[in-house]
Amino acid sequence: MTSSLMLRGMVGAIAALALAAPVHAESVKAGDLVISQPWTRATAGGAKVGGGYLTIENNGTTADKLVGGSTDAAAKLEVHQMSVSNGVMKMHPVEGGLTIEPGKTVKLAPGGYHLMLVDLKHPFKQGGKVPVTLEFEKAGKVDVTLDVQGIGAKAPSTQAGGAMTDHQHDGHMK
């Protein structure tokens, strides 16, 4: 009798731990592409722009390009790159799209490639969600939801954006 009570107690504890475990964002598959860890930062009340970040893995044998997208949360969604030249940080649209080579992974993250959401229609609040539609040259339109992290977030938290993984990140412009 005692061992069955202990077993039920252990099962209950395991179930409670499973419910308390971090929620991991689902990966989205589009053709040979796998899109994971989509997130954005909360924005201040009057902000007109926001950034979107995610990881795109190409499991195919041919390259694809992220050429743009759209969202109801902003007037425009563009693919941008941030770089530092002679100590000056510069940001500009990626002309012609961001190429994801076959067998490679491209990470859109603060300080590098990212989605630029222009003319925000409302502030992004921490804990919220921002639906976006990405447009790829071959994979077509793909719906993804960005999890809104804190204003100064540098990466998705394991609570909303899933665990970080160790991939080789190669981003190429063509």
Protein backbone atom coordinates (compact mmCIF):
# COMPACT_ATOMS: atom_id res chain seq x y z
CA MET A 1 0.00 0.00 0.00
CA THR A 2 2.79 2.45 0.84
CA SER A 3 4.69 1.80 -2.40
CA SER A 4 1.57 2.52 -4.49
CA LEU A 5 1.08 5.80 -2.57
CA MET A 6 4.75 6.68 -3.19
CA LEU A 7 4.37 5.81 -6.88
CA ARG A 8 1.25 8.00 -7.18
CA GLY A 9 3.11 10.81 -5.40
CA MET A 10 6.05 10.51 -7.81
CA VAL A 11 3.72 10.48 -10.83
CA GLY A 12 1.99 13.58 -9.46
CA ALA A 13 5.32 15.35 -8.91
CA ILE A 14 6.50 14.49 -12.43
CA ALA A 15 3.20 15.77 -13.89
CA ALA A 16 3.54 19.02 -11.91
CA LEU A 17 7.10 19.49 -13.18
CA ALA A 18 5.96 18.92 -16.76
CA LEU A 19 3.30 21.59 -16.38
CA ALA A 20 5.80 24.03 -14.90
CA ALA A 21 8.43 23.40 -17.60
CA PRO A 22 9.18 26.23 -20.02
CA VAL A 23 6.98 26.47 -23.08
CA HIS A 24 9.04 26.08 -26.24
CA ALA A 25 7.94 27.85 -29.42
CA GLU A 26 7.07 25.46 -32.20
CA SER A 27 9.30 25.29 -35.25
CA VAL A 28 7.59 26.00 -38.56
CA LYS A 29 8.47 23.88 -41.58
CA ALA A 30 8.10 25.31 -45.09
CA GLY A 31 9.42 23.03 -47.82
CA ASP A 32 13.08 22.39 -46.97
CA LEU A 33 13.21 25.28 -44.49
CA VAL A 34 12.76 25.04 -40.73
CA ILE A 35 12.06 28.35 -38.96
CA SER A 36 12.60 28.36 -35.20
CA GLN A 37 13.01 30.67 -32.19
CA PRO A 38 10.92 33.58 -33.56
CA TRP A 39 10.98 36.57 -31.19
CA THR A 40 10.96 40.34 -30.91
CA ARG A 41 11.55 42.90 -28.18
CA ALA A 42 8.92 44.94 -26.35
CA THR A 43 8.84 48.52 -27.65
CA ALA A 44 8.40 51.88 -25.94
CA GLY A 45 5.03 53.61 -26.38
CA GLY A 46 6.01 55.96 -29.21
CA ALA A 47 8.35 53.61 -31.09
CA LYS A 48 7.79 53.48 -34.85
CA VAL A 49 10.06 50.51 -35.58
CA GLY A 50 10.72 47.09 -34.10
CA GLY A 51 13.02 44.19 -34.91
CA GLY A 52 12.18 40.55 -35.48
CA TYR A 53 14.59 37.67 -34.91
CA LEU A 54 14.56 33.96 -35.76
CA THR A 55 16.61 31.07 -37.08
CA ILE A 56 16.18 29.58 -40.57
CA GLU A 57 17.66 26.17 -41.37
CA ASN A 58 17.80 24.94 -44.98
CA ASN A 59 17.68 21.11 -45.06
CA GLY A 60 17.40 21.01 -48.85
CA THR A 61 19.85 20.79 -51.73
CA THR A 62 19.10 24.22 -53.24
CA ALA A 63 19.34 27.73 -51.83
CA ASP A 64 16.27 29.79 -50.94
CA LYS A 65 15.95 33.50 -50.16
CA LEU A 66 14.02 35.42 -47.55
CA VAL A 67 12.80 38.32 -49.70
CA GLY A 68 10.44 40.11 -47.29
CA GLY A 69 7.15 39.73 -45.56
CA SER A 70 4.20 41.47 -43.98
CA THR A 71 2.39 41.92 -40.68
CA ASP A 72 -0.77 43.59 -39.44
CA ALA A 73 1.36 45.07 -36.62
CA ALA A 74 3.28 47.42 -38.96
CA ALA A 75 3.00 49.16 -42.32
CA LYS A 76 6.08 47.33 -43.69
CA LEU A 77 8.28 44.34 -42.92
CA GLU A 78 11.75 44.35 -44.48
CA VAL A 79 14.87 42.19 -44.18
CA HIS A 80 17.74 44.34 -42.85
CA GLN A 81 21.39 43.96 -41.96
CA MET A 82 23.28 45.84 -39.27
CA SER A 83 27.02 46.26 -39.62
CA VAL A 84 29.84 48.34 -38.18
CA SER A 85 32.09 50.25 -40.58
CA ASN A 86 34.93 52.44 -39.25
CA GLY A 87 33.34 52.35 -35.80
CA VAL A 88 29.94 53.50 -37.12
CA MET A 89 26.94 51.20 -36.86
CA LYS A 90 24.91 51.11 -40.07
CA MET A 91 21.60 49.48 -40.88
CA HIS A 92 20.23 48.91 -44.36
CA PRO A 93 17.78 46.69 -46.26
CA VAL A 94 19.23 43.50 -47.73
CA GLU A 95 18.95 44.03 -51.48
CA GLY A 96 17.62 41.03 -53.39
CA GLY A 97 16.86 39.00 -50.26
CA LEU A 98 18.80 37.00 -47.68
CA THR A 99 20.12 33.72 -49.10
CA ILE A 100 19.88 30.55 -47.05
CA GLU A 101 22.35 28.12 -48.63
CA PRO A 102 21.55 24.38 -48.69
CA GLY A 103 22.65 22.61 -45.51
CA LYS A 104 23.22 25.92 -43.70
CA THR A 105 21.50 27.82 -40.91
CA VAL A 106 21.02 31.60 -40.86
CA LYS A 107 20.31 33.36 -37.58
CA LEU A 108 18.52 36.70 -37.59
CA ALA A 109 19.62 38.32 -34.31
CA PRO A 110 20.32 41.72 -32.77
CA GLY A 111 23.41 43.30 -34.31
CA GLY A 112 23.19 41.41 -37.62
CA TYR A 113 20.48 40.30 -40.00
CA HIS A 114 16.97 40.98 -38.70
CA LEU A 115 13.40 41.72 -39.70
CA MET A 116 12.62 45.45 -39.57
CA LEU A 117 8.97 46.23 -38.77
CA VAL A 118 8.38 49.81 -39.92
CA ASP A 119 5.58 52.17 -38.78
CA LEU A 120 4.32 50.08 -35.87
CA LYS A 121 0.57 50.30 -35.36
CA HIS A 122 0.86 49.68 -31.60
CA PRO A 123 3.62 49.01 -29.04
CA PHE A 124 4.78 45.43 -28.50
CA LYS A 125 4.19 44.35 -24.91
CA GLN A 126 6.35 41.75 -23.15
CA GLY A 127 4.58 38.37 -23.13
CA GLY A 128 2.59 39.25 -26.25
CA LYS A 129 2.67 37.73 -29.73
CA VAL A 130 3.25 39.39 -33.12
CA PRO A 131 2.05 37.38 -36.13
CA VAL A 132 4.12 37.90 -39.29
CA THR A 133 4.11 36.38 -42.76
CA LEU A 134 7.59 35.75 -44.18
CA GLU A 135 8.04 35.54 -47.93
CA PHE A 136 10.62 33.21 -49.44
CA GLU A 137 11.58 32.96 -53.10
CA LYS A 138 10.95 29.17 -53.25
CA ALA A 139 9.13 28.22 -50.04
CA GLY A 140 6.55 31.00 -50.56
CA LYS A 141 4.63 32.67 -47.74
CA VAL A 142 5.10 31.29 -44.23
CA ASP A 143 3.17 32.40 -41.13
CA VAL A 144 5.26 32.74 -37.97
CA THR A 145 4.50 34.27 -34.57
CA LEU A 146 7.15 36.36 -32.82
CA ASP A 147 7.17 36.00 -29.01
CA VAL A 148 7.62 39.43 -27.37
CA GLN A 149 10.55 39.45 -24.91
CA GLY A 150 11.64 42.31 -22.61
CA ILE A 151 12.83 45.65 -24.02
CA GLY A 152 16.56 44.88 -23.61
CA ALA A 153 16.44 41.17 -24.51
CA LYS A 154 19.46 39.87 -26.41
CA ALA A 155 18.00 36.43 -27.21
CA PRO A 156 14.74 34.54 -26.80
CA SER A 157 14.15 33.34 -23.27
CA THR A 158 13.60 29.66 -22.68
CA GLN A 159 10.19 30.60 -21.28
CA ALA A 160 8.80 31.89 -24.58
CA GLY A 161 11.30 31.32 -27.35
CA GLY A 162 12.61 27.83 -26.82
CA ALA A 163 16.06 26.63 -25.94
CA MET A 164 19.03 28.01 -27.81
CA THR A 165 20.86 25.51 -29.99
CA ASP A 166 24.43 25.23 -31.22
CA HIS A 167 24.24 25.57 -35.00
CA GLN A 168 26.73 26.95 -37.43
CA HIS A 169 25.29 30.29 -38.53
CA ASP A 170 26.18 31.42 -42.02
CA GLY A 171 24.33 34.35 -43.58
CA HIS A 172 25.06 35.23 -47.17
CA MET A 173 23.77 38.05 -49.34
CA LYS A 174 23.48 37.59 -53.07
